[in-house]
Structures are given as structure tokens and as C-alpha cells.
Protein backbone atom coordinates (compact mmCIF):
# COMPACT_ATOMS: atom_id res chain seq x y z
CA MET A 1 39.75 2.36 15.31
CA ILE A 2 36.96 0.48 15.86
CA ARG A 3 36.81 -2.63 17.76
CA ARG A 4 35.55 -5.25 15.32
CA THR A 5 32.41 -6.75 16.77
CA LYS A 6 31.27 -3.02 16.85
CA ARG A 7 32.55 -2.59 13.31
CA ARG A 8 30.18 -5.47 12.85
CA HIS A 9 27.04 -4.66 14.57
CA ILE A 10 27.46 -1.17 11.97
CA LEU A 11 27.94 -2.75 8.64
CA ALA A 12 24.69 -5.38 10.06
CA VAL A 13 22.63 -2.57 10.98
CA GLY A 14 22.91 -1.00 8.21
CA ALA A 15 22.75 -3.76 5.25
CA LEU A 16 19.46 -3.98 7.29
CA ALA A 17 18.44 -0.52 6.74
CA THR A 18 19.41 -0.17 3.10
CA THR A 19 17.55 -3.34 2.21
CA LEU A 20 14.85 -2.16 3.83
CA VAL A 21 14.82 1.50 2.19
CA ALA A 22 14.91 -0.19 -1.71
CA ILE A 23 11.47 -2.01 0.03
CA PRO A 24 8.85 0.75 -0.12
CA THR A 25 9.69 1.62 -4.06
CA ALA A 26 9.15 -1.69 -4.98
CA THR A 27 5.45 -2.28 -2.57
CA VAL A 28 3.64 0.68 -3.46
CA ALA A 29 4.69 0.48 -7.57
CA ALA A 30 2.50 -3.03 -7.13
CA GLY A 31 -0.40 -1.32 -5.61
CA ASN A 32 -2.04 -0.47 -9.23
CA ASN A 33 -5.10 1.67 -8.82
CA ASN A 34 -6.75 0.53 -11.38
CA PRO A 35 -8.54 -2.87 -11.29
CA PRO A 36 -6.64 -6.19 -13.31
CA PRO A 37 -8.03 -6.32 -16.65
CA LYS A 38 -9.62 -9.58 -16.45
CA TYR A 39 -12.54 -7.95 -13.53
CA THR A 40 -13.24 -4.53 -15.83
CA HIS A 41 -15.83 -6.46 -17.56
CA ALA A 42 -18.01 -7.34 -14.49
CA VAL A 43 -17.43 -3.81 -12.91
CA GLU A 44 -18.94 -2.62 -16.24
CA VAL A 45 -21.89 -4.60 -16.02
CA VAL A 46 -22.42 -4.14 -12.35
CA THR A 47 -22.40 -0.72 -12.40
CA THR A 48 -24.44 0.22 -15.93
CA THR A 49 -28.28 1.52 -15.47
CA THR A 50 -29.28 1.00 -18.98
CA GLU A 51 -31.47 -2.11 -19.82
CA ALA A 52 -30.55 -4.59 -22.47
CA PRO A 53 -31.64 -3.56 -26.17
CA THR A 54 -34.37 -4.95 -27.79
CA THR A 55 -33.04 -6.67 -30.92
CA THR A 56 -36.20 -6.37 -32.71
CA THR A 57 -37.89 -3.65 -34.15
CA THR A 58 -41.23 -4.52 -33.67
CA ALA A 59 -43.45 -3.83 -30.54
CA PRO A 60 -42.42 -6.37 -28.04
CA THR A 61 -45.29 -9.23 -27.44
CA SER A 62 -46.65 -10.21 -23.82
CA THR A 63 -43.85 -12.78 -23.25
CA THR A 64 -40.67 -11.02 -24.76
CA ALA A 65 -40.11 -8.10 -22.45
CA PRO A 66 -40.59 -10.79 -19.18
CA LYS A 67 -37.98 -12.09 -21.03
CA ALA A 68 -35.83 -9.71 -21.46
CA ALA A 69 -36.16 -8.66 -18.25
CA THR A 70 -35.42 -11.70 -16.43
CA ASP A 71 -32.39 -12.25 -18.66
CA ARG A 72 -30.88 -8.57 -17.63
CA LEU A 73 -31.46 -9.52 -13.75
CA LYS A 74 -29.23 -12.79 -14.19
CA LYS A 75 -26.98 -10.99 -16.09
CA VAL A 76 -26.46 -8.27 -13.42
CA LYS A 77 -26.62 -11.28 -10.63
CA GLY A 78 -23.99 -13.25 -12.56
CA ALA A 79 -21.73 -10.10 -12.97
CA ALA A 80 -22.41 -9.05 -9.48
CA ASP A 81 -21.19 -12.61 -8.04
CA THR A 82 -17.95 -12.75 -10.34
CA ALA A 83 -17.67 -9.00 -8.93
CA VAL A 84 -17.88 -9.89 -5.65
CA THR A 85 -15.99 -13.14 -5.88
CA ASN A 86 -12.78 -11.20 -7.28
CA ARG A 87 -12.65 -8.41 -4.61
CA ILE A 88 -12.62 -11.17 -1.88
CA SER A 89 -9.80 -13.13 -3.23
CA GLU A 90 -7.85 -9.36 -3.66
CA LEU A 91 -8.75 -9.09 0.12
CA ASP A 92 -7.19 -12.71 0.99
CA ARG A 93 -4.33 -11.77 -0.95
CA LEU A 94 -3.73 -8.71 1.04
CA VAL A 95 -4.29 -10.50 4.38
CA ASP A 96 -1.44 -12.85 3.27
CA GLN A 97 0.69 -9.86 2.23
CA LEU A 98 -0.18 -8.47 5.42
CA ASP A 99 1.04 -11.80 7.31
CA LYS A 100 4.13 -12.41 5.79
CA SER A 101 5.45 -8.57 5.31
CA LYS A 102 8.11 -7.77 7.69
CA ASN A 103 8.15 -4.29 7.64
CA ILE A 104 4.69 -3.22 9.08
CA THR A 105 3.93 -3.03 12.69
CA ALA A 106 1.74 -5.59 14.59
CA GLU A 107 -0.93 -2.75 15.59
CA HIS A 108 -1.19 -1.68 11.67
CA ARG A 109 -1.24 -5.49 10.79
CA SER A 110 -3.71 -5.89 13.07
CA ALA A 111 -5.96 -2.74 12.32
CA MET A 112 -5.94 -3.60 8.84
CA LYS A 113 -6.77 -7.10 8.86
CA ALA A 114 -9.41 -6.04 10.89
CA GLU A 115 -10.71 -3.62 8.41
CA LEU A 116 -10.89 -6.57 5.39
CA SER A 117 -11.91 -9.04 7.27
CA LEU A 118 -15.37 -6.88 7.70
CA ALA A 119 -15.13 -6.12 3.62
CA LYS A 120 -15.50 -9.62 3.04
CA THR A 121 -18.38 -10.29 5.62
CA GLY A 122 -20.10 -6.70 3.94
CA LEU A 123 -19.40 -8.03 0.25
CA ALA A 124 -20.52 -11.45 1.07
CA ASP A 125 -23.73 -10.04 2.61
CA LEU A 126 -24.16 -7.81 0.07
CA ASN A 127 -23.96 -10.58 -2.72
CA LYS A 128 -26.71 -12.27 -0.73
CA GLN A 129 -28.77 -9.31 -0.93
CA ILE A 130 -27.82 -8.85 -4.84
CA GLN A 131 -28.77 -12.39 -5.57
CA ALA A 132 -32.37 -12.37 -3.72
CA ASP A 133 -33.37 -9.17 -5.52
CA VAL A 134 -36.18 -9.58 -7.35
CA ASP A 135 -36.30 -6.84 -10.03
CA VAL A 136 -33.59 -4.90 -11.88
CA ALA A 137 -33.19 -1.55 -10.78
CA SER A 138 -32.67 -3.05 -7.45
CA THR A 139 -30.45 -5.64 -8.53
CA VAL A 140 -28.48 -2.84 -10.45
CA ALA A 141 -28.99 -0.55 -7.29
CA ASP A 142 -27.06 -2.71 -5.17
CA ALA A 143 -24.63 -4.14 -7.62
CA LYS A 144 -23.69 -0.51 -7.64
CA ARG A 145 -22.54 -0.77 -4.18
CA ILE A 146 -19.96 -4.03 -4.74
CA VAL A 147 -17.87 -0.39 -6.14
CA THR A 148 -19.04 2.66 -4.01
CA ASP A 149 -19.26 1.15 -0.30
CA TYR A 150 -15.72 -0.95 -0.81
CA ARG A 151 -13.69 0.60 -3.04
CA VAL A 152 -11.80 -2.44 -2.89
CA TYR A 153 -9.08 -1.63 -6.75
CA VAL A 154 -8.66 1.90 -6.08
CA LEU A 155 -8.20 2.75 -2.43
CA GLU A 156 -8.18 -0.77 0.05
CA ILE A 157 -4.94 -2.26 -2.33
CA PRO A 158 -3.19 0.81 -2.88
CA LYS A 159 -3.63 1.83 1.41
CA VAL A 160 -2.18 -1.64 1.84
CA HIS A 161 0.96 -1.34 -0.35
CA GLU A 162 1.85 2.27 1.09
CA LEU A 163 1.14 1.62 4.48
CA MET A 164 3.45 -1.63 4.38
CA ALA A 165 5.66 0.72 2.02
CA VAL A 166 5.43 3.67 5.04
CA ASP A 167 5.75 1.31 8.23
CA GLY A 168 8.82 -0.43 6.03
CA MET A 169 10.56 3.56 5.46
CA VAL A 170 10.15 4.38 9.63
CA THR A 171 11.64 1.37 10.41
CA ALA A 172 14.55 1.87 7.77
CA THR A 173 15.58 5.34 8.86
CA ASN A 174 15.38 4.40 12.56
CA ASN A 175 18.14 1.64 11.50
CA LEU A 176 20.31 4.35 9.75
CA THR A 177 19.61 6.96 12.96
CA LYS A 178 21.26 3.73 14.88
CA VAL A 179 24.14 3.53 12.50
CA ALA A 180 24.87 6.93 11.99
CA THR A 181 24.98 7.01 16.19
CA ASP A 182 27.44 4.18 16.26
CA LEU A 183 29.71 6.00 13.61
CA ARG A 184 29.44 9.64 15.61
CA LYS A 185 30.34 8.25 18.51
CA ALA A 186 33.07 6.50 16.65
CA THR A 187 34.67 9.42 15.50
CA ASP A 188 34.64 11.22 18.81
CA ALA A 189 36.31 8.25 20.40
CA MET A 190 39.12 8.53 17.46
CA GLN A 191 39.18 12.29 17.68
CA ALA A 192 39.39 11.93 21.93
CA ALA A 193 42.63 9.59 20.78
CA GLY A 194 44.57 12.24 18.28
CA LYS A 195 43.50 11.18 15.37
CA ASP A 196 41.99 13.48 12.74
CA VAL A 197 38.44 12.78 11.83
CA THR A 198 38.03 15.91 9.81
CA THR A 199 36.86 14.24 6.58
CA ALA A 200 35.01 11.25 8.38
CA ARG A 201 32.73 14.09 11.19
CA ALA A 202 31.76 15.43 7.57
CA SER A 203 30.48 12.72 5.63
CA VAL A 204 28.59 11.37 9.25
CA ASP A 205 26.81 15.05 9.12
CA ALA A 206 26.35 14.50 5.86
CA LEU A 207 25.17 11.02 6.50
CA ASN A 208 22.70 12.14 9.14
CA ALA A 209 21.68 14.83 6.99
CA LYS A 210 20.15 12.66 4.23
CA ILE A 211 18.23 10.46 7.14
CA LEU A 212 16.37 13.69 8.34
CA ASN A 213 15.60 14.64 4.75
CA ALA A 214 14.48 10.85 4.50
CA GLN A 215 12.22 11.23 7.49
CA LYS A 216 10.29 14.36 6.69
CA GLY A 217 6.77 13.97 6.26
CA LEU A 218 6.89 10.22 8.14
CA ASP A 219 5.07 11.08 10.84
CA GLY A 220 1.57 10.19 11.05
CA LEU A 221 2.11 9.56 7.68
CA SER A 222 0.96 5.39 8.88
CA ASP A 223 -2.19 6.88 10.24
CA LEU A 224 -3.50 8.91 7.94
CA VAL A 225 -3.57 6.04 5.25
CA ILE A 226 -5.14 3.87 7.59
CA SER A 227 -7.67 6.68 8.30
CA LEU A 228 -8.40 6.45 4.57
CA GLN A 229 -11.95 4.79 3.98
CA PRO A 230 -14.23 4.22 0.86
CA GLY A 231 -16.74 6.13 1.66
CA GLY A 232 -13.94 9.27 1.16
CA TYR A 233 -12.87 8.05 -2.04
CA PRO A 234 -12.80 9.70 -4.39
CA THR A 235 -11.79 12.83 -2.04
CA ASN A 236 -8.97 10.95 -0.54
CA LYS A 237 -7.50 9.51 -3.75
CA ALA A 238 -4.78 12.63 -2.95
CA SER A 239 -3.71 11.54 0.65
CA LEU A 240 -3.19 8.31 -1.41
CA GLN A 241 -0.38 9.76 -4.23
CA SER A 242 0.85 12.42 -1.73
CA THR A 243 1.53 9.49 0.40
CA ARG A 244 3.08 8.15 -2.81
CA ALA A 245 5.18 11.14 -3.47
CA THR A 246 6.75 11.12 0.53
CA LEU A 247 8.06 8.07 -0.17
CA LYS A 248 9.50 8.27 -3.27
CA ALA A 249 11.20 11.75 -1.75
CA SER A 250 12.30 9.38 1.24
CA VAL A 251 13.72 6.90 -1.26
CA ASP A 252 15.20 9.30 -3.04
CA SER A 253 17.05 10.90 0.25
CA LEU A 254 18.47 8.02 1.38
CA ASN A 255 20.36 7.15 -2.26
CA GLY A 256 23.72 5.66 -1.81
CA VAL A 257 23.34 5.79 2.02
CA ARG A 258 25.29 2.18 1.97
CA ALA A 259 28.34 3.52 -0.53
CA ASP A 260 28.47 6.38 2.56
CA VAL A 261 28.53 4.16 5.41
CA ASP A 262 31.18 2.75 3.44
CA ALA A 263 33.11 5.67 3.06
CA ILE A 264 33.19 6.79 6.49
CA LEU A 265 34.31 3.52 7.43
CA ALA A 266 37.44 3.15 5.17
CA ALA A 267 38.05 7.59 6.41
CA LEU A 268 38.10 5.66 9.92
CA LYS A 269 40.31 2.97 8.57
CA VAL A 270 38.39 0.68 10.34
């Protein structure tokens, strides 16, 4: 029979690990790769290259054409300013999530916060350039870079969410490995005391198999996610998708592990 302190340790670590297992699914699900609806209009205005259509079939006067260009310039600059502001707000939100996350490692938190800080500075500087542009063509060209140079919605948001999820899954599987090791030691001790631990030993082996399956593909996955950069999009979108698939497979592999631990403890009569 396992000592009470050892049993409490096993249950505590097991509870922590199985709680963390549930985190990756919810975290990754939050990383929607599409911009929020309220931001879509600004993005579309920024990335369009067509001039505003004329509202008359007659030839424009000498004052109509400049006014149309001025109005178009003002519209693009306004949309660009909104797009930048929204993206900086999203980056601030990501930093807050990183600060509050209990799953991500200190090293990965630091690396991502540094990257997001550079993106915020870059966007702010780009907006200054856009607001200083004097013609529509230059303004539109610079405004496009808000999307292509930073990829906040389609890359940075899911990237941060996936990184937190991967680190959380690594922590969960490591904690479960400790639980399985303790349970194995317990079965060894009871066997040495002449007890029949056949059922418990088989259950421990099954638990270890689940943990090993969950760990498949996790090694080096955080570094892969961190390496994804805006310049590589949309090619690196496949890496985001494969990471999500790996996380889902890991979560599925650990389905019912808390019940497995409880069953093993019951078999050991602790």
C-alpha cells in the first residue's frame, strides 16, 4: 500500500497534468486565423489599389480630379491608421496573454514579447510613413505593408496561442511521466511485498503508452512555431496547421488519463 503522502503527491501531480491537458485545445481554438469582422473593412480599403470611381459621366473639371485624389488619399490614410491601431491593440492583448500564461516557458515568453514589441514599433513607424505620403500610389503601397510585413491576424495571433499550447502540453506530459514513474515504483514495492500487481502493472504500462503517444511530435515544436515569420506567409501557414494537428493528436492520446490514474490507485488499494 502506498503511503498517504505519496498518494497525495500522485493525485496532486496527476490533477495538475490532466488540467494542463485540457488547456491546449481551448487555447488553440482561440487562435482564429481570420481578422475580426469589425476590422475587415479597414483591411480591404488598405489593400485595394483601385481609385475611387467618378460619380459623373462628364469629363472631370480641373478641380474635380484633384479633389477625388485628395479624398481618396484621406480615405486610405484613415483606413491605414485604423488598421495599425487595431493591430497594435491585438499585439498588446497577446503580450497580456503571455504575461498571464502559466504554461509558456520563461525563455519562450521573452522571445515572443521581444518579437511583438518589434512589430508594434514597426507598425507605428510605418503608420508615420503612410501619414506623411503625398500621393495615393505611395500611400496604398505603404498601406499594403501593414498586412504583408506583419501578418498580425493570420500568423502572430495563432502563433502565440499555439506556442502557449505546445509548452502547456509538454508540461502536462512531463508531469504525467512523473505520475507514471511513481505508480511504477509503487507496484514494484507491492510486488516485492508479495502482492499481486498484475492488473495494476498492466494499467501503468497502458498509461505510459498514452503518454508516449502524446509526446510524439512535441520535441522541437515550440522552436518551429517561434521561427515562423511574416515574410514566410502564406507558405508557413502549413506549419501552423500541422502544429494544431499535432496538439489535437496529443490531447486525444491523453483522453481519460485521470480515470486511468484513479483506476491504478484503486487496483493498488491505496
